Amino acid sequence: MKKYTIETAVGVFVFIGLLCVTYLTVKLGKMEVFGDDHYPVLARFTDVTGLGEGAYVEMAGVRVGKVGSIALDPKDNTAVVKLLIQNGVRLTDDAIVSVKTSGLIGDKYVKISPGGSDVTVAPGGMLLETESAVDLTDLIGKYVFGGVK
């Protein structure tokens, strides 16, 4: 009978350990399992070079969301970016959405500059004021070959 008590205790200990590892994996991987506290907003860009899914969205220097997906609109060949914004953050319809680089050659992220309008964007709505990514290699090429005046 003592053998079964030790085996049961070890089994319970291993089960609790596996639950802890699963919880840490979900939290450190920033996965949402039990609910999503974000709402989607769309933005249309002419160029999103270097921006990837999962890149962070920033407003006033604070992370307020992430990039959910990036797709090409076949009608006008523009990039449609789905932004997942935290529920507590409200965006106005005249907010400016820009693709920026952290550092000189760092990762791309989305910066939202708030507007002054009282009209908020509904979940699934479109932000119309956008600024595309600046490609450093294009700028260097223009400078080297005399395209910059």
N, C-alpha and C. Protein backbone atom coordinates (compact mmCIF):
# COMPACT_ATOMS: atom_id res chain seq x y z
N MET A 1 0.82 -1.19 0.00
CA MET A 1 0.00 0.00 0.00
C MET A 1 0.86 1.25 0.00
N LYS A 2 2.05 1.21 0.67
CA LYS A 2 2.94 2.36 0.73
C LYS A 2 3.48 2.70 -0.66
N LYS A 3 3.67 1.68 -1.49
CA LYS A 3 4.19 1.90 -2.85
C LYS A 3 3.23 2.77 -3.66
N TYR A 4 1.92 2.53 -3.54
CA TYR A 4 0.93 3.31 -4.29
C TYR A 4 0.86 4.75 -3.81
N THR A 5 1.07 4.99 -2.54
CA THR A 5 1.04 6.38 -2.02
C THR A 5 2.20 7.17 -2.58
N ILE A 6 3.36 6.59 -2.65
CA ILE A 6 4.52 7.31 -3.20
C ILE A 6 4.32 7.56 -4.69
N GLU A 7 3.83 6.55 -5.41
CA GLU A 7 3.60 6.72 -6.84
C GLU A 7 2.52 7.78 -7.11
N THR A 8 1.50 7.82 -6.31
CA THR A 8 0.44 8.83 -6.46
C THR A 8 1.00 10.22 -6.18
N ALA A 9 1.82 10.37 -5.15
CA ALA A 9 2.42 11.67 -4.81
C ALA A 9 3.33 12.14 -5.95
N VAL A 10 4.11 11.23 -6.49
CA VAL A 10 4.99 11.59 -7.61
C VAL A 10 4.15 11.97 -8.84
N GLY A 11 3.09 11.24 -9.10
CA GLY A 11 2.21 11.55 -10.23
C GLY A 11 1.56 12.91 -10.08
N VAL A 12 1.10 13.25 -8.88
CA VAL A 12 0.49 14.56 -8.64
C VAL A 12 1.54 15.65 -8.82
N PHE A 13 2.73 15.43 -8.31
CA PHE A 13 3.82 16.40 -8.45
C PHE A 13 4.17 16.64 -9.92
N VAL A 14 4.27 15.59 -10.71
CA VAL A 14 4.57 15.71 -12.14
C VAL A 14 3.44 16.44 -12.86
N PHE A 15 2.18 16.13 -12.51
CA PHE A 15 1.04 16.78 -13.14
C PHE A 15 1.03 18.28 -12.85
N ILE A 16 1.29 18.67 -11.62
CA ILE A 16 1.37 20.09 -11.25
C ILE A 16 2.52 20.77 -12.00
N GLY A 17 3.65 20.08 -12.12
CA GLY A 17 4.78 20.63 -12.86
C GLY A 17 4.44 20.86 -14.32
N LEU A 18 3.72 19.93 -14.94
CA LEU A 18 3.32 20.08 -16.34
C LEU A 18 2.33 21.25 -16.50
N LEU A 19 1.43 21.42 -15.55
CA LEU A 19 0.51 22.56 -15.60
C LEU A 19 1.27 23.88 -15.51
N CYS A 20 2.27 23.94 -14.64
CA CYS A 20 3.08 25.16 -14.51
C CYS A 20 3.86 25.46 -15.80
N VAL A 21 4.44 24.44 -16.39
CA VAL A 21 5.19 24.62 -17.64
C VAL A 21 4.25 25.09 -18.76
N THR A 22 3.06 24.52 -18.84
CA THR A 22 2.09 24.94 -19.85
C THR A 22 1.69 26.39 -19.65
N TYR A 23 1.42 26.77 -18.42
CA TYR A 23 1.04 28.15 -18.12
C TYR A 23 2.16 29.12 -18.51
N LEU A 24 3.40 28.81 -18.16
CA LEU A 24 4.52 29.68 -18.50
C LEU A 24 4.74 29.75 -20.01
N THR A 25 4.54 28.65 -20.70
CA THR A 25 4.69 28.65 -22.16
C THR A 25 3.68 29.58 -22.81
N VAL A 26 2.44 29.53 -22.34
CA VAL A 26 1.40 30.39 -22.90
C VAL A 26 1.69 31.86 -22.57
N LYS A 27 2.07 32.15 -21.35
CA LYS A 27 2.33 33.54 -20.94
C LYS A 27 3.57 34.11 -21.61
N LEU A 28 4.65 33.37 -21.66
CA LEU A 28 5.87 33.87 -22.28
C LEU A 28 5.75 33.95 -23.79
N GLY A 29 4.92 33.12 -24.39
CA GLY A 29 4.69 33.16 -25.82
C GLY A 29 3.68 34.20 -26.21
N LYS A 30 3.12 34.90 -25.22
CA LYS A 30 2.13 35.96 -25.44
C LYS A 30 0.95 35.44 -26.26
N MET A 31 0.53 34.22 -25.97
CA MET A 31 -0.62 33.64 -26.64
C MET A 31 -1.87 33.96 -25.82
N GLU A 32 -2.98 34.11 -26.49
CA GLU A 32 -4.25 34.34 -25.83
C GLU A 32 -5.05 33.04 -25.89
N VAL A 33 -5.37 32.47 -24.73
CA VAL A 33 -6.10 31.22 -24.70
C VAL A 33 -7.51 31.43 -24.15
N PHE A 34 -7.63 32.16 -23.06
CA PHE A 34 -8.90 32.26 -22.36
C PHE A 34 -9.72 33.48 -22.75
N GLY A 35 -9.24 34.32 -23.58
CA GLY A 35 -10.00 35.49 -23.98
C GLY A 35 -9.08 36.48 -24.64
N ASP A 36 -9.66 37.32 -25.46
CA ASP A 36 -8.85 38.29 -26.18
C ASP A 36 -9.28 39.67 -25.73
N ASP A 37 -8.34 40.47 -25.29
CA ASP A 37 -8.65 41.81 -24.82
C ASP A 37 -8.27 42.86 -25.85
N HIS A 38 -8.37 42.50 -27.13
CA HIS A 38 -8.03 43.40 -28.23
C HIS A 38 -9.21 43.51 -29.20
N TYR A 39 -9.27 44.61 -29.93
CA TYR A 39 -10.24 44.75 -31.01
C TYR A 39 -9.49 45.10 -32.29
N PRO A 40 -10.00 44.64 -33.44
CA PRO A 40 -9.27 44.86 -34.71
C PRO A 40 -9.59 46.22 -35.33
N VAL A 41 -8.57 46.82 -35.93
CA VAL A 41 -8.69 48.04 -36.71
C VAL A 41 -7.82 47.85 -37.95
N LEU A 42 -8.28 48.30 -39.10
CA LEU A 42 -7.54 48.14 -40.35
C LEU A 42 -6.88 49.44 -40.75
N ALA A 43 -5.74 49.33 -41.42
CA ALA A 43 -5.04 50.49 -41.98
C ALA A 43 -4.47 50.07 -43.33
N ARG A 44 -4.53 50.98 -44.31
CA ARG A 44 -4.08 50.70 -45.67
C ARG A 44 -2.79 51.48 -45.95
N PHE A 45 -1.74 50.78 -46.39
CA PHE A 45 -0.44 51.38 -46.67
C PHE A 45 -0.02 51.09 -48.10
N THR A 46 0.80 51.97 -48.67
CA THR A 46 1.36 51.68 -49.98
C THR A 46 2.60 50.78 -49.86
N ASP A 47 3.27 50.80 -48.69
CA ASP A 47 4.48 50.00 -48.50
C ASP A 47 4.66 49.70 -47.02
N VAL A 48 4.82 48.42 -46.68
CA VAL A 48 5.07 48.01 -45.29
C VAL A 48 6.33 47.14 -45.22
N THR A 49 7.33 47.48 -45.99
CA THR A 49 8.55 46.70 -46.06
C THR A 49 9.14 46.51 -44.66
N GLY A 50 9.39 45.27 -44.29
CA GLY A 50 10.02 44.96 -43.01
C GLY A 50 9.06 44.78 -41.85
N LEU A 51 7.80 45.16 -42.01
CA LEU A 51 6.82 45.00 -40.93
C LEU A 51 6.30 43.58 -40.95
N GLY A 52 6.21 42.97 -39.78
CA GLY A 52 5.76 41.59 -39.72
C GLY A 52 4.62 41.41 -38.74
N GLU A 53 3.96 40.28 -38.85
CA GLU A 53 2.90 39.95 -37.91
C GLU A 53 3.49 39.83 -36.51
N GLY A 54 2.79 40.36 -35.55
CA GLY A 54 3.26 40.32 -34.17
C GLY A 54 4.07 41.55 -33.78
N ALA A 55 4.38 42.42 -34.73
CA ALA A 55 5.10 43.66 -34.41
C ALA A 55 4.22 44.50 -33.50
N TYR A 56 4.82 45.27 -32.64
CA TYR A 56 4.02 46.01 -31.68
C TYR A 56 3.50 47.32 -32.25
N VAL A 57 2.39 47.76 -31.67
CA VAL A 57 1.75 49.03 -32.02
C VAL A 57 1.93 49.95 -30.83
N GLU A 58 2.37 51.17 -31.11
CA GLU A 58 2.73 52.11 -30.05
C GLU A 58 1.96 53.41 -30.22
N MET A 59 1.56 53.99 -29.09
CA MET A 59 0.91 55.30 -29.09
C MET A 59 1.48 56.08 -27.92
N ALA A 60 2.04 57.25 -28.19
CA ALA A 60 2.66 58.10 -27.18
C ALA A 60 3.76 57.36 -26.42
N GLY A 61 4.47 56.47 -27.11
CA GLY A 61 5.58 55.73 -26.50
C GLY A 61 5.16 54.53 -25.68
N VAL A 62 3.86 54.20 -25.68
CA VAL A 62 3.34 53.08 -24.90
C VAL A 62 2.80 52.02 -25.86
N ARG A 63 3.12 50.77 -25.60
CA ARG A 63 2.61 49.69 -26.44
C ARG A 63 1.12 49.50 -26.17
N VAL A 64 0.33 49.61 -27.23
CA VAL A 64 -1.12 49.51 -27.09
C VAL A 64 -1.72 48.39 -27.93
N GLY A 65 -0.88 47.59 -28.57
CA GLY A 65 -1.40 46.51 -29.38
C GLY A 65 -0.32 45.83 -30.19
N LYS A 66 -0.77 45.08 -31.19
CA LYS A 66 0.17 44.36 -32.05
C LYS A 66 -0.44 44.23 -33.45
N VAL A 67 0.42 43.89 -34.39
CA VAL A 67 -0.02 43.66 -35.77
C VAL A 67 -0.57 42.25 -35.86
N GLY A 68 -1.83 42.14 -36.25
CA GLY A 68 -2.46 40.83 -36.34
C GLY A 68 -2.17 40.12 -37.65
N SER A 69 -2.31 40.84 -38.76
CA SER A 69 -2.05 40.23 -40.06
C SER A 69 -1.76 41.33 -41.09
N ILE A 70 -1.13 40.91 -42.17
CA ILE A 70 -0.83 41.81 -43.29
C ILE A 70 -1.25 41.09 -44.56
N ALA A 71 -2.05 41.78 -45.37
CA ALA A 71 -2.54 41.17 -46.62
C ALA A 71 -2.46 42.19 -47.74
N LEU A 72 -2.41 41.70 -48.95
CA LEU A 72 -2.39 42.56 -50.13
C LEU A 72 -3.80 42.66 -50.70
N ASP A 73 -4.27 43.89 -50.88
CA ASP A 73 -5.57 44.11 -51.50
C ASP A 73 -5.40 44.05 -53.01
N PRO A 74 -5.99 43.06 -53.69
CA PRO A 74 -5.77 42.90 -55.13
C PRO A 74 -6.39 44.01 -55.98
N LYS A 75 -7.34 44.77 -55.43
CA LYS A 75 -7.98 45.83 -56.20
C LYS A 75 -7.02 46.96 -56.52
N ASP A 76 -6.29 47.43 -55.50
CA ASP A 76 -5.41 48.58 -55.72
C ASP A 76 -3.95 48.30 -55.33
N ASN A 77 -3.62 47.03 -55.10
CA ASN A 77 -2.25 46.62 -54.77
C ASN A 77 -1.67 47.40 -53.59
N THR A 78 -2.44 47.55 -52.55
CA THR A 78 -1.96 48.16 -51.31
C THR A 78 -1.97 47.13 -50.20
N ALA A 79 -1.17 47.38 -49.18
CA ALA A 79 -1.10 46.47 -48.04
C ALA A 79 -2.16 46.87 -47.02
N VAL A 80 -2.97 45.91 -46.61
CA VAL A 80 -3.96 46.14 -45.57
C VAL A 80 -3.45 45.46 -44.31
N VAL A 81 -3.23 46.28 -43.27
CA VAL A 81 -2.67 45.79 -42.02
C VAL A 81 -3.78 45.76 -40.98
N LYS A 82 -3.93 44.60 -40.34
CA LYS A 82 -4.92 44.46 -39.27
C LYS A 82 -4.20 44.68 -37.94
N LEU A 83 -4.60 45.74 -37.24
CA LEU A 83 -4.01 46.08 -35.95
C LEU A 83 -4.92 45.58 -34.85
N LEU A 84 -4.36 44.92 -33.85
CA LEU A 84 -5.13 44.48 -32.69
C LEU A 84 -4.84 45.44 -31.55
N ILE A 85 -5.80 46.29 -31.22
CA ILE A 85 -5.63 47.35 -30.24
C ILE A 85 -6.28 46.93 -28.92
N GLN A 86 -5.63 47.24 -27.80
CA GLN A 86 -6.17 46.90 -26.48
C GLN A 86 -7.52 47.58 -26.28
N ASN A 87 -8.41 46.90 -25.58
CA ASN A 87 -9.77 47.38 -25.41
C ASN A 87 -9.86 48.75 -24.76
N GLY A 88 -9.00 49.10 -23.85
CA GLY A 88 -9.08 50.38 -23.17
C GLY A 88 -8.66 51.57 -24.01
N VAL A 89 -8.05 51.34 -25.16
CA VAL A 89 -7.53 52.41 -26.01
C VAL A 89 -8.55 52.73 -27.10
N ARG A 90 -8.92 53.99 -27.20
CA ARG A 90 -9.85 54.44 -28.23
C ARG A 90 -9.11 55.28 -29.25
N LEU A 91 -9.33 54.97 -30.52
CA LEU A 91 -8.68 55.70 -31.61
C LEU A 91 -9.70 56.58 -32.31
N THR A 92 -9.27 57.78 -32.66
CA THR A 92 -10.15 58.68 -33.40
C THR A 92 -9.97 58.44 -34.90
N ASP A 93 -10.96 58.88 -35.69
CA ASP A 93 -10.92 58.60 -37.12
C ASP A 93 -9.85 59.40 -37.86
N ASP A 94 -9.26 60.42 -37.21
CA ASP A 94 -8.20 61.20 -37.87
C ASP A 94 -6.81 60.88 -37.31
N ALA A 95 -6.67 59.75 -36.60
CA ALA A 95 -5.36 59.33 -36.10
C ALA A 95 -4.45 58.98 -37.27
N ILE A 96 -3.16 59.29 -37.12
CA ILE A 96 -2.18 59.02 -38.18
C ILE A 96 -1.41 57.75 -37.81
N VAL A 97 -1.40 56.80 -38.72
CA VAL A 97 -0.74 55.51 -38.50
C VAL A 97 0.51 55.48 -39.36
N SER A 98 1.67 55.25 -38.72
CA SER A 98 2.95 55.25 -39.43
C SER A 98 3.71 53.96 -39.16
N VAL A 99 4.48 53.52 -40.13
CA VAL A 99 5.40 52.40 -39.94
C VAL A 99 6.76 53.00 -39.64
N LYS A 100 7.31 52.70 -38.48
CA LYS A 100 8.57 53.27 -38.02
C LYS A 100 9.59 52.17 -37.76
N THR A 101 10.84 52.59 -37.61
CA THR A 101 11.94 51.68 -37.30
C THR A 101 12.48 52.01 -35.93
N SER A 102 12.64 51.00 -35.09
CA SER A 102 13.27 51.24 -33.79
C SER A 102 14.78 51.14 -33.98
N GLY A 103 15.46 52.25 -33.75
CA GLY A 103 16.89 52.31 -33.98
C GLY A 103 17.20 52.58 -35.44
N LEU A 104 18.47 52.50 -35.79
CA LEU A 104 18.88 52.79 -37.16
C LEU A 104 18.47 51.70 -38.14
N ILE A 105 18.74 50.46 -37.77
CA ILE A 105 18.39 49.34 -38.64
C ILE A 105 17.62 48.30 -37.81
N GLY A 106 16.76 48.76 -36.93
CA GLY A 106 16.04 47.87 -36.03
C GLY A 106 14.76 47.32 -36.62
N ASP A 107 13.96 46.74 -35.75
CA ASP A 107 12.69 46.16 -36.15
C ASP A 107 11.69 47.25 -36.48
N LYS A 108 10.76 46.92 -37.34
CA LYS A 108 9.68 47.85 -37.70
C LYS A 108 8.54 47.70 -36.70
N TYR A 109 7.87 48.80 -36.44
CA TYR A 109 6.69 48.79 -35.59
C TYR A 109 5.72 49.84 -36.12
N VAL A 110 4.51 49.84 -35.60
CA VAL A 110 3.48 50.78 -36.03
C VAL A 110 3.30 51.83 -34.94
N LYS A 111 3.37 53.10 -35.35
CA LYS A 111 3.18 54.21 -34.42
C LYS A 111 1.87 54.90 -34.77
N ILE A 112 1.04 55.13 -33.76
CA ILE A 112 -0.22 55.84 -33.96
C ILE A 112 -0.12 57.19 -33.28
N SER A 113 -0.31 58.25 -34.06
CA SER A 113 -0.36 59.61 -33.53
C SER A 113 -1.82 59.99 -33.39
N PRO A 114 -2.27 60.30 -32.17
CA PRO A 114 -3.69 60.57 -31.97
C PRO A 114 -4.14 61.84 -32.69
N GLY A 115 -5.38 61.83 -33.11
CA GLY A 115 -5.95 62.98 -33.78
C GLY A 115 -6.76 63.82 -32.80
N GLY A 116 -7.43 64.82 -33.32
CA GLY A 116 -8.20 65.71 -32.47
C GLY A 116 -9.70 65.56 -32.62
N SER A 117 -10.14 64.60 -33.41
CA SER A 117 -11.57 64.41 -33.66
C SER A 117 -12.24 63.76 -32.45
N ASP A 118 -13.54 63.93 -32.36
CA ASP A 118 -14.33 63.27 -31.32
C ASP A 118 -14.92 61.95 -31.79
N VAL A 119 -14.80 61.66 -33.08
CA VAL A 119 -15.36 60.45 -33.66
C VAL A 119 -14.36 59.31 -33.50
N THR A 120 -14.78 58.24 -32.82
CA THR A 120 -13.88 57.10 -32.62
C THR A 120 -14.09 56.06 -33.72
N VAL A 121 -13.07 55.27 -33.94
CA VAL A 121 -13.13 54.21 -34.94
C VAL A 121 -13.74 52.97 -34.30
N ALA A 122 -14.73 52.41 -34.93
CA ALA A 122 -15.39 51.21 -34.42
C ALA A 122 -14.50 49.99 -34.66
N PRO A 123 -14.66 48.93 -33.86
CA PRO A 123 -13.92 47.70 -34.12
C PRO A 123 -14.16 47.21 -35.55
N GLY A 124 -13.08 46.91 -36.24
CA GLY A 124 -13.16 46.50 -37.64
C GLY A 124 -13.14 47.66 -38.61
N GLY A 125 -13.09 48.90 -38.08
CA GLY A 125 -13.09 50.09 -38.93
C GLY A 125 -11.73 50.31 -39.57
N MET A 126 -11.67 51.33 -40.43
CA MET A 126 -10.46 51.63 -41.19
C MET A 126 -9.89 52.97 -40.77
N LEU A 127 -8.57 53.00 -40.51
CA LEU A 127 -7.86 54.25 -40.28
C LEU A 127 -7.33 54.72 -41.63
N LEU A 128 -7.67 55.94 -42.01
CA LEU A 128 -7.38 56.40 -43.36
C LEU A 128 -6.07 57.16 -43.50
N GLU A 129 -5.61 57.82 -42.45
CA GLU A 129 -4.37 58.60 -42.51
C GLU A 129 -3.19 57.69 -42.20
N THR A 130 -2.38 57.35 -43.22
CA THR A 130 -1.25 56.44 -43.01
C THR A 130 0.01 57.00 -43.65
N GLU A 131 1.14 56.61 -43.08
CA GLU A 131 2.46 56.93 -43.64
C GLU A 131 3.22 55.62 -43.78
N SER A 132 3.70 55.33 -44.98
CA SER A 132 4.37 54.07 -45.24
C SER A 132 5.79 54.07 -44.68
N ALA A 133 6.39 52.88 -44.69
CA ALA A 133 7.74 52.70 -44.18
C ALA A 133 8.76 53.40 -45.07
N VAL A 134 9.80 53.93 -44.45
CA VAL A 134 10.91 54.51 -45.18
C VAL A 134 11.96 53.42 -45.34
N ASP A 135 12.33 53.14 -46.57
CA ASP A 135 13.29 52.09 -46.84
C ASP A 135 14.69 52.71 -46.88
N LEU A 136 15.54 52.32 -45.94
CA LEU A 136 16.88 52.88 -45.82
C LEU A 136 17.73 52.60 -47.05
N THR A 137 17.59 51.42 -47.64
CA THR A 137 18.41 51.10 -48.82
C THR A 137 18.00 51.96 -50.01
N ASP A 138 16.71 52.28 -50.15
CA ASP A 138 16.29 53.18 -51.23
C ASP A 138 16.88 54.57 -51.04
N LEU A 139 16.88 55.06 -49.81
CA LEU A 139 17.44 56.39 -49.54
C LEU A 139 18.93 56.43 -49.83
N ILE A 140 19.65 55.39 -49.42
CA ILE A 140 21.10 55.35 -49.69
C ILE A 140 21.34 55.27 -51.19
N GLY A 141 20.55 54.47 -51.91
CA GLY A 141 20.70 54.38 -53.35
C GLY A 141 20.45 55.68 -54.05
N LYS A 142 19.44 56.42 -53.62
CA LYS A 142 19.17 57.73 -54.20
C LYS A 142 20.31 58.71 -53.91
N TYR A 143 20.85 58.64 -52.72
CA TYR A 143 21.96 59.54 -52.37
C TYR A 143 23.20 59.22 -53.18
N VAL A 144 23.53 57.94 -53.29
CA VAL A 144 24.74 57.51 -54.00
C VAL A 144 24.64 57.83 -55.48
N PHE A 145 23.48 57.62 -56.08
CA PHE A 145 23.34 57.80 -57.52
C PHE A 145 22.74 59.16 -57.90
N GLY A 146 22.72 60.08 -56.96
CA GLY A 146 22.33 61.45 -57.27
C GLY A 146 20.86 61.71 -57.37
N GLY A 147 20.03 60.88 -56.76
CA GLY A 147 18.58 61.09 -56.82
C GLY A 147 18.09 62.05 -55.76
N VAL A 148 18.90 62.40 -54.78
CA VAL A 148 18.49 63.30 -53.71
C VAL A 148 18.99 64.69 -54.02
N LYS A 149 18.13 65.68 -53.94
CA LYS A 149 18.54 67.06 -54.25
C LYS A 149 18.30 67.95 -53.06
